[in-house]
Amino acid sequence: MKLKSFTYPEKEKLKSRKLIKRIFEGGEAIKSYPILIKFVLKDADTHSVGVSVSKRNFKKAVDRIKIKRQLREAYRLNKKELQNIDRKYAMMIIFIGKKEMTSKNIQETVKSLFKELQ
């Protein structure tokens, strides 16, 4: 695997408000506690991914930022699982747990959810 395949380039970041609204209003979801992935099909050449952590569960911004960083890293390391799929998704990876987890546990959970998407 090339080193470039482990990047998280700008074109893969989910920023479109319309697309995010579409994901939350009518998207499908798969869940493996403490991670929920909501997604919709999109017509583009790459997947788009955003991450979210609830302010209700983690009051301190430092904690939310740490978990977001772990979620992005889990996506970056496991996106090769999504490359075998012909369909392209716009997805939000949402941390719904109430306690912090290790990066390894988050990565394993994200990897198993990506395998479910296939």
PDB file of N, CA and C in Angstrom:
ATOM      1  N   MET A   1       0.838  -1.170   0.000  1.00  0.00           N
ATOM      2  CA  MET A   1       0.000   0.000   0.000  1.00  0.00           C
ATOM      3  C   MET A   1       0.887   1.239   0.000  1.00  0.00           C
ATOM      4  N   LYS A   2       0.580   2.170  -0.844  1.00  0.00           N
ATOM      5  CA  LYS A   2       1.364   3.387  -0.937  1.00  0.00           C
ATOM      6  C   LYS A   2       1.120   4.280   0.278  1.00  0.00           C
ATOM      7  N   LEU A   3       2.100   5.070   0.600  1.00  0.00           N
ATOM      8  CA  LEU A   3       1.986   5.974   1.730  1.00  0.00           C
ATOM      9  C   LEU A   3       0.902   7.021   1.498  1.00  0.00           C
ATOM     10  N   LYS A   4       0.695   7.437   0.248  1.00  0.00           N
ATOM     11  CA  LYS A   4      -0.321   8.435  -0.062  1.00  0.00           C
ATOM     12  C   LYS A   4      -1.734   7.962   0.267  1.00  0.00           C
ATOM     13  N   SER A   5      -1.967   6.663   0.278  1.00  0.00           N
ATOM     14  CA  SER A   5      -3.307   6.160   0.541  1.00  0.00           C
ATOM     15  C   SER A   5      -3.718   6.342   1.998  1.00  0.00           C
ATOM     16  N   PHE A   6      -2.786   6.686   2.875  1.00  0.00           N
ATOM     17  CA  PHE A   6      -3.111   6.892   4.277  1.00  0.00           C
ATOM     18  C   PHE A   6      -3.301   8.362   4.634  1.00  0.00           C
ATOM     19  N   THR A   7      -3.597   9.175   3.650  1.00  0.00           N
ATOM     20  CA  THR A   7      -3.801  10.599   3.916  1.00  0.00           C
ATOM     21  C   THR A   7      -5.284  10.902   4.091  1.00  0.00           C
ATOM     22  N   TYR A   8      -5.580  12.090   4.547  1.00  0.00           N
ATOM     23  CA  TYR A   8      -6.959  12.573   4.685  1.00  0.00           C
ATOM     24  C   TYR A   8      -7.026  13.928   3.976  1.00  0.00           C
ATOM     25  N   PRO A   9      -7.060  13.888   2.631  1.00  0.00           N
ATOM     26  CA  PRO A   9      -6.981  15.138   1.864  1.00  0.00           C
ATOM     27  C   PRO A   9      -8.242  15.990   1.990  1.00  0.00           C
ATOM     28  N   GLU A  10      -8.112  17.216   1.590  1.00  0.00           N
ATOM     29  CA  GLU A  10      -9.195  18.196   1.677  1.00  0.00           C
ATOM     30  C   GLU A  10     -10.454  17.732   0.943  1.00  0.00           C
ATOM     31  N   LYS A  11     -10.292  17.064  -0.204  1.00  0.00           N
ATOM     32  CA  LYS A  11     -11.468  16.655  -0.989  1.00  0.00           C
ATOM     33  C   LYS A  11     -12.279  15.552  -0.306  1.00  0.00           C
ATOM     34  N   GLU A  12     -11.722  14.893   0.718  1.00  0.00           N
ATOM     35  CA  GLU A  12     -12.460  13.863   1.452  1.00  0.00           C
ATOM     36  C   GLU A  12     -13.164  14.412   2.680  1.00  0.00           C
ATOM     37  N   LYS A  13     -12.948  15.675   3.008  1.00  0.00           N
ATOM     38  CA  LYS A  13     -13.574  16.264   4.189  1.00  0.00           C
ATOM     39  C   LYS A  13     -14.981  16.726   3.855  1.00  0.00           C
ATOM     40  N   LEU A  14     -15.916  16.354   4.688  1.00  0.00           N
ATOM     41  CA  LEU A  14     -17.320  16.702   4.485  1.00  0.00           C
ATOM     42  C   LEU A  14     -17.560  18.105   5.030  1.00  0.00           C
ATOM     43  N   LYS A  15     -17.879  19.039   4.139  1.00  0.00           N
ATOM     44  CA  LYS A  15     -18.080  20.430   4.543  1.00  0.00           C
ATOM     45  C   LYS A  15     -19.396  21.017   4.049  1.00  0.00           C
ATOM     46  N   SER A  16     -20.042  20.376   3.095  1.00  0.00           N
ATOM     47  CA  SER A  16     -21.259  20.895   2.496  1.00  0.00           C
ATOM     48  C   SER A  16     -22.432  20.835   3.483  1.00  0.00           C
ATOM     49  N   ARG A  17     -22.994  21.990   3.791  1.00  0.00           N
ATOM     50  CA  ARG A  17     -24.131  22.031   4.713  1.00  0.00           C
ATOM     51  C   ARG A  17     -25.326  21.250   4.166  1.00  0.00           C
ATOM     52  N   LYS A  18     -25.546  21.350   2.855  1.00  0.00           N
ATOM     53  CA  LYS A  18     -26.664  20.634   2.242  1.00  0.00           C
ATOM     54  C   LYS A  18     -26.497  19.125   2.381  1.00  0.00           C
ATOM     55  N   LEU A  19     -25.294  18.657   2.160  1.00  0.00           N
ATOM     56  CA  LEU A  19     -25.020  17.225   2.256  1.00  0.00           C
ATOM     57  C   LEU A  19     -25.125  16.745   3.700  1.00  0.00           C
ATOM     58  N   ILE A  20     -24.638  17.532   4.640  1.00  0.00           N
ATOM     59  CA  ILE A  20     -24.741  17.169   6.062  1.00  0.00           C
ATOM     60  C   ILE A  20     -26.209  17.112   6.480  1.00  0.00           C
ATOM     61  N   LYS A  21     -26.995  18.083   6.014  1.00  0.00           N
ATOM     62  CA  LYS A  21     -28.435  18.091   6.330  1.00  0.00           C
ATOM     63  C   LYS A  21     -29.112  16.859   5.747  1.00  0.00           C
ATOM     64  N   ARG A  22     -28.737  16.499   4.520  1.00  0.00           N
ATOM     65  CA  ARG A  22     -29.304  15.310   3.883  1.00  0.00           C
ATOM     66  C   ARG A  22     -28.952  14.040   4.649  1.00  0.00           C
ATOM     67  N   ILE A  23     -27.746  13.974   5.175  1.00  0.00           N
ATOM     68  CA  ILE A  23     -27.326  12.812   5.951  1.00  0.00           C
ATOM     69  C   ILE A  23     -28.187  12.666   7.202  1.00  0.00           C
ATOM     70  N   PHE A  24     -28.382  13.759   7.925  1.00  0.00           N
ATOM     71  CA  PHE A  24     -29.121  13.680   9.188  1.00  0.00           C
ATOM     72  C   PHE A  24     -30.625  13.556   8.997  1.00  0.00           C
ATOM     73  N   GLU A  25     -31.159  14.050   7.888  1.00  0.00           N
ATOM     74  CA  GLU A  25     -32.602  13.965   7.668  1.00  0.00           C
ATOM     75  C   GLU A  25     -33.033  12.634   7.064  1.00  0.00           C
ATOM     76  N   GLY A  26     -32.268  12.105   6.118  1.00  0.00           N
ATOM     77  CA  GLY A  26     -32.749  10.913   5.449  1.00  0.00           C
ATOM     78  C   GLY A  26     -31.710   9.837   5.231  1.00  0.00           C
ATOM     79  N   GLY A  27     -30.608   9.917   5.937  1.00  0.00           N
ATOM     80  CA  GLY A  27     -29.543   8.954   5.719  1.00  0.00           C
ATOM     81  C   GLY A  27     -29.752   7.656   6.478  1.00  0.00           C
ATOM     82  N   GLU A  28     -29.054   6.647   6.035  1.00  0.00           N
ATOM     83  CA  GLU A  28     -29.067   5.366   6.726  1.00  0.00           C
ATOM     84  C   GLU A  28     -28.028   5.405   7.838  1.00  0.00           C
ATOM     85  N   ALA A  29     -28.122   4.441   8.764  1.00  0.00           N
ATOM     86  CA  ALA A  29     -27.186   4.426   9.882  1.00  0.00           C
ATOM     87  C   ALA A  29     -26.780   3.000  10.224  1.00  0.00           C
ATOM     88  N   ILE A  30     -25.536   2.870  10.633  1.00  0.00           N
ATOM     89  CA  ILE A  30     -25.057   1.620  11.223  1.00  0.00           C
ATOM     90  C   ILE A  30     -24.378   1.995  12.527  1.00  0.00           C
ATOM     91  N   LYS A  31     -24.473   1.104  13.510  1.00  0.00           N
ATOM     92  CA  LYS A  31     -23.990   1.451  14.832  1.00  0.00           C
ATOM     93  C   LYS A  31     -23.292   0.269  15.475  1.00  0.00           C
ATOM     94  N   SER A  32     -22.198   0.576  16.130  1.00  0.00           N
ATOM     95  CA  SER A  32     -21.510  -0.367  16.992  1.00  0.00           C
ATOM     96  C   SER A  32     -21.007   0.483  18.141  1.00  0.00           C
ATOM     97  N   TYR A  33     -21.636   0.328  19.292  1.00  0.00           N
ATOM     98  CA  TYR A  33     -21.353   1.221  20.413  1.00  0.00           C
ATOM     99  C   TYR A  33     -19.861   1.315  20.647  1.00  0.00           C
ATOM    100  N   PRO A  34     -19.317   2.481  20.761  1.00  0.00           N
ATOM    101  CA  PRO A  34     -19.852   3.823  20.947  1.00  0.00           C
ATOM    102  C   PRO A  34     -19.826   4.675  19.681  1.00  0.00           C
ATOM    103  N   ILE A  35     -19.831   4.042  18.511  1.00  0.00           N
ATOM    104  CA  ILE A  35     -19.734   4.817  17.270  1.00  0.00           C
ATOM    105  C   ILE A  35     -20.949   4.558  16.390  1.00  0.00           C
ATOM    106  N   LEU A  36     -21.473   5.637  15.833  1.00  0.00           N
ATOM    107  CA  LEU A  36     -22.595   5.589  14.906  1.00  0.00           C
ATOM    108  C   LEU A  36     -22.127   6.217  13.605  1.00  0.00           C
ATOM    109  N   ILE A  37     -22.406   5.553  12.491  1.00  0.00           N
ATOM    110  CA  ILE A  37     -22.076   6.122  11.185  1.00  0.00           C
ATOM    111  C   ILE A  37     -23.374   6.344  10.431  1.00  0.00           C
ATOM    112  N   LYS A  38     -23.650   7.594  10.099  1.00  0.00           N
ATOM    113  CA  LYS A  38     -24.806   7.940   9.264  1.00  0.00           C
ATOM    114  C   LYS A  38     -24.263   8.267   7.889  1.00  0.00           C
ATOM    115  N   PHE A  39     -24.958   7.784   6.841  1.00  0.00           N
ATOM    116  CA  PHE A  39     -24.413   7.963   5.496  1.00  0.00           C
ATOM    117  C   PHE A  39     -25.499   8.031   4.447  1.00  0.00           C
ATOM    118  N   VAL A  40     -25.153   8.638   3.310  1.00  0.00           N
ATOM    119  CA  VAL A  40     -25.989   8.655   2.115  1.00  0.00           C
ATOM    120  C   VAL A  40     -25.081   8.413   0.918  1.00  0.00           C
ATOM    121  N   LEU A  41     -25.666   7.905  -0.146  1.00  0.00           N
ATOM    122  CA  LEU A  41     -24.908   7.750  -1.391  1.00  0.00           C
ATOM    123  C   LEU A  41     -24.686   9.116  -2.014  1.00  0.00           C
ATOM    124  N   LYS A  42     -23.573   9.270  -2.689  1.00  0.00           N
ATOM    125  CA  LYS A  42     -23.323  10.530  -3.398  1.00  0.00           C
ATOM    126  C   LYS A  42     -22.701  10.209  -4.745  1.00  0.00           C
ATOM    127  N   ASP A  43     -22.835  11.146  -5.639  1.00  0.00           N
ATOM    128  CA  ASP A  43     -22.286  10.945  -6.971  1.00  0.00           C
ATOM    129  C   ASP A  43     -20.996  11.740  -7.111  1.00  0.00           C
ATOM    130  N   ALA A  44     -19.915  11.116  -6.717  1.00  0.00           N
ATOM    131  CA  ALA A  44     -18.587  11.733  -6.822  1.00  0.00           C
ATOM    132  C   ALA A  44     -17.563  10.614  -6.900  1.00  0.00           C
ATOM    133  N   ASP A  45     -16.305  10.979  -7.022  1.00  0.00           N
ATOM    134  CA  ASP A  45     -15.276   9.963  -7.172  1.00  0.00           C
ATOM    135  C   ASP A  45     -14.629   9.544  -5.851  1.00  0.00           C
ATOM    136  N   THR A  46     -14.903  10.262  -4.752  1.00  0.00           N
ATOM    137  CA  THR A  46     -14.338   9.893  -3.451  1.00  0.00           C
ATOM    138  C   THR A  46     -15.400   9.953  -2.366  1.00  0.00           C
ATOM    139  N   HIS A  47     -15.105   9.303  -1.260  1.00  0.00           N
ATOM    140  CA  HIS A  47     -15.973   9.377  -0.086  1.00  0.00           C
ATOM    141  C   HIS A  47     -15.755  10.722   0.585  1.00  0.00           C
ATOM    142  N   SER A  48     -16.785  11.209   1.285  1.00  0.00           N
ATOM    143  CA  SER A  48     -16.656  12.415   2.101  1.00  0.00           C
ATOM    144  C   SER A  48     -16.969  12.032   3.536  1.00  0.00           C
ATOM    145  N   VAL A  49     -16.123  12.476   4.450  1.00  0.00           N
ATOM    146  CA  VAL A  49     -16.270  12.060   5.839  1.00  0.00           C
ATOM    147  C   VAL A  49     -16.175  13.258   6.764  1.00  0.00           C
ATOM    148  N   GLY A  50     -17.083  13.290   7.750  1.00  0.00           N
ATOM    149  CA  GLY A  50     -17.042  14.283   8.818  1.00  0.00           C
ATOM    150  C   GLY A  50     -17.122  13.552  10.144  1.00  0.00           C
ATOM    151  N   VAL A  51     -16.690  14.184  11.212  1.00  0.00           N
ATOM    152  CA  VAL A  51     -16.747  13.567  12.537  1.00  0.00           C
ATOM    153  C   VAL A  51     -17.485  14.490  13.495  1.00  0.00           C
ATOM    154  N   SER A  52     -18.083  13.890  14.518  1.00  0.00           N
ATOM    155  CA  SER A  52     -18.847  14.672  15.475  1.00  0.00           C
ATOM    156  C   SER A  52     -18.803  14.010  16.846  1.00  0.00           C
ATOM    157  N   VAL A  53     -18.743  14.850  17.889  1.00  0.00           N
ATOM    158  CA  VAL A  53     -18.791  14.394  19.275  1.00  0.00           C
ATOM    159  C   VAL A  53     -19.758  15.317  20.010  1.00  0.00           C
ATOM    160  N   SER A  54     -20.664  14.731  20.770  1.00  0.00           N
ATOM    161  CA  SER A  54     -21.711  15.497  21.432  1.00  0.00           C
ATOM    162  C   SER A  54     -21.173  16.333  22.589  1.00  0.00           C
ATOM    163  N   LYS A  55     -21.614  17.573  22.621  1.00  0.00           N
ATOM    164  CA  LYS A  55     -21.246  18.463  23.719  1.00  0.00           C
ATOM    165  C   LYS A  55     -21.958  18.042  25.003  1.00  0.00           C
ATOM    166  N   ARG A  56     -23.077  17.361  24.848  1.00  0.00           N
ATOM    167  CA  ARG A  56     -23.831  16.895  26.002  1.00  0.00           C
ATOM    168  C   ARG A  56     -23.031  15.865  26.803  1.00  0.00           C
ATOM    169  N   ASN A  57     -22.297  14.997  26.090  1.00  0.00           N
ATOM    170  CA  ASN A  57     -21.554  13.934  26.763  1.00  0.00           C
ATOM    171  C   ASN A  57     -20.162  14.360  27.213  1.00  0.00           C
ATOM    172  N   PHE A  58     -19.569  15.329  26.507  1.00  0.00           N
ATOM    173  CA  PHE A  58     -18.227  15.796  26.844  1.00  0.00           C
ATOM    174  C   PHE A  58     -18.249  17.317  26.926  1.00  0.00           C
ATOM    175  N   LYS A  59     -18.303  17.839  28.130  1.00  0.00           N
ATOM    176  CA  LYS A  59     -18.440  19.279  28.349  1.00  0.00           C
ATOM    177  C   LYS A  59     -17.193  20.055  27.931  1.00  0.00           C
ATOM    178  N   LYS A  60     -16.022  19.469  28.169  1.00  0.00           N
ATOM    179  CA  LYS A  60     -14.778  20.177  27.880  1.00  0.00           C
ATOM    180  C   LYS A  60     -14.393  20.031  26.414  1.00  0.00           C
ATOM    181  N   ALA A  61     -14.073  21.145  25.786  1.00  0.00           N
ATOM    182  CA  ALA A  61     -13.684  21.151  24.377  1.00  0.00           C
ATOM    183  C   ALA A  61     -12.440  20.295  24.144  1.00  0.00           C
ATOM    184  N   VAL A  62     -11.553  20.259  25.107  1.00  0.00           N
ATOM    185  CA  VAL A  62     -10.327  19.473  24.984  1.00  0.00           C
ATOM    186  C   VAL A  62     -10.655  17.995  24.769  1.00  0.00           C
ATOM    187  N   ASP A  63     -11.644  17.507  25.522  1.00  0.00           N
ATOM    188  CA  ASP A  63     -12.036  16.100  25.396  1.00  0.00           C
ATOM    189  C   ASP A  63     -12.688  15.830  24.043  1.00  0.00           C
ATOM    190  N   ARG A  64     -13.565  16.748  23.597  1.00  0.00           N
ATOM    191  CA  ARG A  64     -14.222  16.569  22.301  1.00  0.00           C
ATOM    192  C   ARG A  64     -13.205  16.576  21.169  1.00  0.00           C
ATOM    193  N   ILE A  65     -12.259  17.482  21.227  1.00  0.00           N
ATOM    194  CA  ILE A  65     -11.243  17.584  20.174  1.00  0.00           C
ATOM    195  C   ILE A  65     -10.384  16.331  20.125  1.00  0.00           C
ATOM    196  N   LYS A  66     -10.044  15.791  21.286  1.00  0.00           N
ATOM    197  CA  LYS A  66      -9.233  14.569  21.338  1.00  0.00           C
ATOM    198  C   LYS A  66      -9.963  13.413  20.663  1.00  0.00           C
ATOM    199  N   ILE A  67     -11.250  13.264  20.951  1.00  0.00           N
ATOM    200  CA  ILE A  67     -12.023  12.167  20.361  1.00  0.00           C
ATOM    201  C   ILE A  67     -12.191  12.382  18.860  1.00  0.00           C
ATOM    202  N   LYS A  68     -12.423  13.625  18.436  1.00  0.00           N
ATOM    203  CA  LYS A  68     -12.527  13.911  17.003  1.00  0.00           C
ATOM    204  C   LYS A  68     -11.237  13.535  16.293  1.00  0.00           C
ATOM    205  N   ARG A  69     -10.117  13.849  16.908  1.00  0.00           N
ATOM    206  CA  ARG A  69      -8.820  13.514  16.331  1.00  0.00           C
ATOM    207  C   ARG A  69      -8.665  11.993  16.205  1.00  0.00           C
ATOM    208  N   GLN A  70      -9.126  11.260  17.231  1.00  0.00           N
ATOM    209  CA  GLN A  70      -9.063   9.803  17.184  1.00  0.00           C
ATOM    210  C   GLN A  70      -9.961   9.242  16.084  1.00  0.00           C
ATOM    211  N   LEU A  71     -11.138   9.831  15.888  1.00  0.00           N
ATOM    212  CA  LEU A  71     -12.056   9.376  14.847  1.00  0.00           C
ATOM    213  C   LEU A  71     -11.480   9.617  13.454  1.00  0.00           C
ATOM    214  N   ARG A  72     -10.902  10.793  13.241  1.00  0.00           N
ATOM    215  CA  ARG A  72     -10.286  11.078  11.947  1.00  0.00           C
ATOM    216  C   ARG A  72      -9.124  10.139  11.673  1.00  0.00           C
ATOM    217  N   GLU A  73      -8.342   9.843  12.696  1.00  0.00           N
ATOM    218  CA  GLU A  73      -7.210   8.927  12.554  1.00  0.00           C
ATOM    219  C   GLU A  73      -7.708   7.517  12.232  1.00  0.00           C
ATOM    220  N   ALA A  74      -8.786   7.092  12.885  1.00  0.00           N
ATOM    221  CA  ALA A  74      -9.350   5.776  12.620  1.00  0.00           C
ATOM    222  C   ALA A  74      -9.836   5.688  11.170  1.00  0.00           C
ATOM    223  N   TYR A  75     -10.463   6.756  10.674  1.00  0.00           N
ATOM    224  CA  TYR A  75     -10.881   6.775   9.273  1.00  0.00           C
ATOM    225  C   TYR A  75      -9.667   6.694   8.354  1.00  0.00           C
ATOM    226  N   ARG A  76      -8.675   7.525   8.621  1.00  0.00           N
ATOM    227  CA  ARG A  76      -7.493   7.609   7.771  1.00  0.00           C
ATOM    228  C   ARG A  76      -6.783   6.257   7.660  1.00  0.00           C
ATOM    229  N   LEU A  77      -6.690   5.537   8.767  1.00  0.00           N
ATOM    230  CA  LEU A  77      -5.974   4.261   8.760  1.00  0.00           C
ATOM    231  C   LEU A  77      -6.800   3.112   8.179  1.00  0.00           C
ATOM    232  N   ASN A  78      -8.122   3.251   8.188  1.00  0.00           N
ATOM    233  CA  ASN A  78      -8.979   2.148   7.753  1.00  0.00           C
ATOM    234  C   ASN A  78      -9.778   2.437   6.494  1.00  0.00           C
ATOM    235  N   LYS A  79      -9.479   3.522   5.807  1.00  0.00           N
ATOM    236  CA  LYS A  79     -10.260   3.850   4.614  1.00  0.00           C
ATOM    237  C   LYS A  79     -10.004   2.881   3.468  1.00  0.00           C
ATOM    238  N   LYS A  80      -8.965   2.074   3.565  1.00  0.00           N
ATOM    239  CA  LYS A  80      -8.723   1.070   2.526  1.00  0.00           C
ATOM    240  C   LYS A  80      -9.855   0.046   2.482  1.00  0.00           C
ATOM    241  N   GLU A  81     -10.579  -0.107   3.585  1.00  0.00           N
ATOM    242  CA  GLU A  81     -11.741  -0.998   3.621  1.00  0.00           C
ATOM    243  C   GLU A  81     -12.844  -0.483   2.692  1.00  0.00           C
ATOM    244  N   LEU A  82     -12.900   0.818   2.487  1.00  0.00           N
ATOM    245  CA  LEU A  82     -13.936   1.427   1.653  1.00  0.00           C
ATOM    246  C   LEU A  82     -13.557   1.478   0.177  1.00  0.00           C
ATOM    247  N   GLN A  83     -12.293   1.277  -0.146  1.00  0.00           N
ATOM    248  CA  GLN A  83     -11.847   1.409  -1.529  1.00  0.00           C
ATOM    249  C   GLN A  83     -12.362   0.286  -2.425  1.00  0.00           C
ATOM    250  N   ASN A  84     -12.774  -0.823  -1.845  1.00  0.00           N
ATOM    251  CA  ASN A  84     -13.276  -1.945  -2.631  1.00  0.00           C
ATOM    252  C   ASN A  84     -14.724  -1.745  -3.075  1.00  0.00           C
ATOM    253  N   ILE A  85     -15.385  -0.724  -2.548  1.00  0.00           N
ATOM    254  CA  ILE A  85     -16.799  -0.483  -2.835  1.00  0.00           C
ATOM    255  C   ILE A  85     -16.933   0.396  -4.079  1.00  0.00           C
ATOM    256  N   ASP A  86     -17.862   0.040  -4.957  1.00  0.00           N
ATOM    257  CA  ASP A  86     -18.108   0.851  -6.146  1.00  0.00           C
ATOM    258  C   ASP A  86     -18.863   2.130  -5.806  1.00  0.00           C
ATOM    259  N   ARG A  87     -19.756   2.046  -4.827  1.00  0.00           N
ATOM    260  CA  ARG A  87     -20.544   3.217  -4.428  1.00  0.00           C
ATOM    261  C   ARG A  87     -19.684   4.147  -3.579  1.00  0.00           C
ATOM    262  N   LYS A  88     -19.985   5.431  -3.651  1.00  0.00           N
ATOM    263  CA  LYS A  88     -19.291   6.419  -2.837  1.00  0.00           C
ATOM    264  C   LYS A  88     -20.286   7.031  -1.853  1.00  0.00           C
ATOM    265  N   TYR A  89     -19.840   7.223  -0.640  1.00  0.00           N
ATOM    266  CA  TYR A  89     -20.711   7.709   0.424  1.00  0.00           C
ATOM    267  C   TYR A  89     -20.255   9.058   0.956  1.00  0.00           C
ATOM    268  N   ALA A  90     -21.229   9.800   1.447  1.00  0.00           N
ATOM    269  CA  ALA A  90     -20.969  10.951   2.311  1.00  0.00           C
ATOM    270  C   ALA A  90     -21.386  10.464   3.688  1.00  0.00           C
ATOM    271  N   MET A  91     -20.490  10.541   4.656  1.00  0.00           N
ATOM    272  CA  MET A  91     -20.806   9.960   5.965  1.00  0.00           C
ATOM    273  C   MET A  91     -20.333  10.832   7.109  1.00  0.00           C
ATOM    274  N   MET A  92     -21.054  10.683   8.223  1.00  0.00           N
ATOM    275  CA  MET A  92     -20.666  11.311   9.475  1.00  0.00           C
ATOM    276  C   MET A  92     -20.360  10.188  10.454  1.00  0.00           C
ATOM    277  N   ILE A  93     -19.182  10.263  11.052  1.00  0.00           N
ATOM    278  CA  ILE A  93     -18.803   9.312  12.089  1.00  0.00           C
ATOM    279  C   ILE A  93     -19.052  10.028  13.415  1.00  0.00           C
ATOM    280  N   ILE A  94     -19.985   9.496  14.205  1.00  0.00           N
ATOM    281  CA  ILE A  94     -20.435  10.170  15.417  1.00  0.00           C
ATOM    282  C   ILE A  94     -20.083   9.318  16.633  1.00  0.00           C
ATOM    283  N   PHE A  95     -19.437   9.929  17.602  1.00  0.00           N
ATOM    284  CA  PHE A  95     -19.100   9.242  18.852  1.00  0.00           C
ATOM    285  C   PHE A  95     -20.260   9.450  19.806  1.00  0.00           C
ATOM    286  N   ILE A  96     -20.955   8.360  20.184  1.00  0.00           N
ATOM    287  CA  ILE A  96     -22.140   8.480  21.029  1.00  0.00           C
ATOM    288  C   ILE A  96     -21.902   7.973  22.447  1.00  0.00           C
ATOM    289  N   GLY A  97     -20.680   7.533  22.739  1.00  0.00           N
ATOM    290  CA  GLY A  97     -20.361   7.041  24.073  1.00  0.00           C
ATOM    291  C   GLY A  97     -20.293   8.169  25.092  1.00  0.00           C
ATOM    292  N   LYS A  98     -20.256   7.798  26.353  1.00  0.00           N
ATOM    293  CA  LYS A  98     -20.193   8.778  27.425  1.00  0.00           C
ATOM    294  C   LYS A  98     -18.814   8.827  28.079  1.00  0.00           C
ATOM    295  N   LYS A  99     -17.958   7.854  27.747  1.00  0.00           N
ATOM    296  CA  LYS A  99     -16.603   7.822  28.296  1.00  0.00           C
ATOM    297  C   LYS A  99     -15.602   7.757  27.158  1.00  0.00           C
ATOM    298  N   GLU A 100     -14.422   8.296  27.386  1.00  0.00           N
ATOM    299  CA  GLU A 100     -13.364   8.234  26.390  1.00  0.00           C
ATOM    300  C   GLU A 100     -12.909   6.797  26.206  1.00  0.00           C
ATOM    301  N   MET A 101     -12.409   6.504  25.011  1.00  0.00           N
ATOM    302  CA  MET A 101     -11.903   5.169  24.705  1.00  0.00           C
ATOM    303  C   MET A 101     -10.496   5.296  24.155  1.00  0.00           C
ATOM    304  N   THR A 102      -9.789   4.179  24.149  1.00  0.00           N
ATOM    305  CA  THR A 102      -8.451   4.192  23.576  1.00  0.00           C
ATOM    306  C   THR A 102      -8.549   4.272  22.057  1.00  0.00           C
ATOM    307  N   SER A 103      -7.503   4.772  21.445  1.00  0.00           N
ATOM    308  CA  SER A 103      -7.476   4.890  19.987  1.00  0.00           C
ATOM    309  C   SER A 103      -7.607   3.524  19.327  1.00  0.00           C
ATOM    310  N   LYS A 104      -7.005   2.508  19.932  1.00  0.00           N
ATOM    311  CA  LYS A 104      -7.053   1.166  19.365  1.00  0.00           C
ATOM    312  C   LYS A 104      -8.498   0.649  19.312  1.00  0.00           C
ATOM    313  N   ASN A 105      -9.255   0.839  20.381  1.00  0.00           N
ATOM    314  CA  ASN A 105     -10.651   0.388  20.403  1.00  0.00           C
ATOM    315  C   ASN A 105     -11.491   1.138  19.375  1.00  0.00           C
ATOM    316  N   ILE A 106     -11.256   2.431  19.238  1.00  0.00           N
ATOM    317  CA  ILE A 106     -11.991   3.226  18.262  1.00  0.00           C
ATOM    318  C   ILE A 106     -11.664   2.747  16.853  1.00  0.00           C
ATOM    319  N   GLN A 107     -10.392   2.491  16.574  1.00  0.00           N
ATOM    320  CA  GLN A 107      -9.987   2.023  15.247  1.00  0.00           C
ATOM    321  C   GLN A 107     -10.610   0.672  14.913  1.00  0.00           C
ATOM    322  N   GLU A 108     -10.647  -0.245  15.875  1.00  0.00           N
ATOM    323  CA  GLU A 108     -11.260  -1.559  15.636  1.00  0.00           C
ATOM    324  C   GLU A 108     -12.750  -1.432  15.349  1.00  0.00           C
ATOM    325  N   THR A 109     -13.423  -0.557  16.084  1.00  0.00           N
ATOM    326  CA  THR A 109     -14.861  -0.358  15.881  1.00  0.00           C
ATOM    327  C   THR A 109     -15.134   0.252  14.512  1.00  0.00           C
ATOM    328  N   VAL A 110     -14.368   1.265  14.132  1.00  0.00           N
ATOM    329  CA  VAL A 110     -14.549   1.901  12.829  1.00  0.00           C
ATOM    330  C   VAL A 110     -14.276   0.898  11.707  1.00  0.00           C
ATOM    331  N   LYS A 111     -13.251   0.086  11.864  1.00  0.00           N
ATOM    332  CA  LYS A 111     -12.919  -0.917  10.845  1.00  0.00           C
ATOM    333  C   LYS A 111     -14.066  -1.912  10.666  1.00  0.00           C
ATOM    334  N   SER A 112     -14.645  -2.372  11.770  1.00  0.00           N
ATOM    335  CA  SER A 112     -15.759  -3.324  11.664  1.00  0.00           C
ATOM    336  C   SER A 112     -16.987  -2.676  11.021  1.00  0.00           C
ATOM    337  N   LEU A 113     -17.233  -1.400  11.301  1.00  0.00           N
ATOM    338  CA  LEU A 113     -18.367  -0.700  10.682  1.00  0.00           C
ATOM    339  C   LEU A 113     -18.142  -0.500   9.187  1.00  0.00           C
ATOM    340  N   PHE A 114     -16.901  -0.209   8.791  1.00  0.00           N
ATOM    341  CA  PHE A 114     -16.602  -0.063   7.375  1.00  0.00           C
ATOM    342  C   PHE A 114     -16.805  -1.383   6.627  1.00  0.00           C
ATOM    343  N   LYS A 115     -16.492  -2.498   7.276  1.00  0.00           N
ATOM    344  CA  LYS A 115     -16.720  -3.801   6.646  1.00  0.00           C
ATOM    345  C   LYS A 115     -18.223  -4.043   6.474  1.00  0.00           C
ATOM    346  N   GLU A 116     -19.032  -3.534   7.407  1.00  0.00           N
ATOM    347  CA  GLU A 116     -20.491  -3.659   7.292  1.00  0.00           C
ATOM    348  C   GLU A 116     -21.037  -2.865   6.108  1.00  0.00           C
ATOM    349  N   LEU A 117     -20.394  -1.759   5.787  1.00  0.00           N
ATOM    350  CA  LEU A 117     -20.847  -0.928   4.669  1.00  0.00           C
ATOM    351  C   LEU A 117     -20.739  -1.633   3.314  1.00  0.00           C
ATOM    352  N   GLN A 118     -19.853  -2.592   3.214  1.00  0.00           N
ATOM    353  CA  GLN A 118     -19.619  -3.251   1.926  1.00  0.00           C
ATOM    354  C   GLN A 118     -20.760  -4.090   1.474  1.00  0.00           C
TER     355      GLN A 118
END
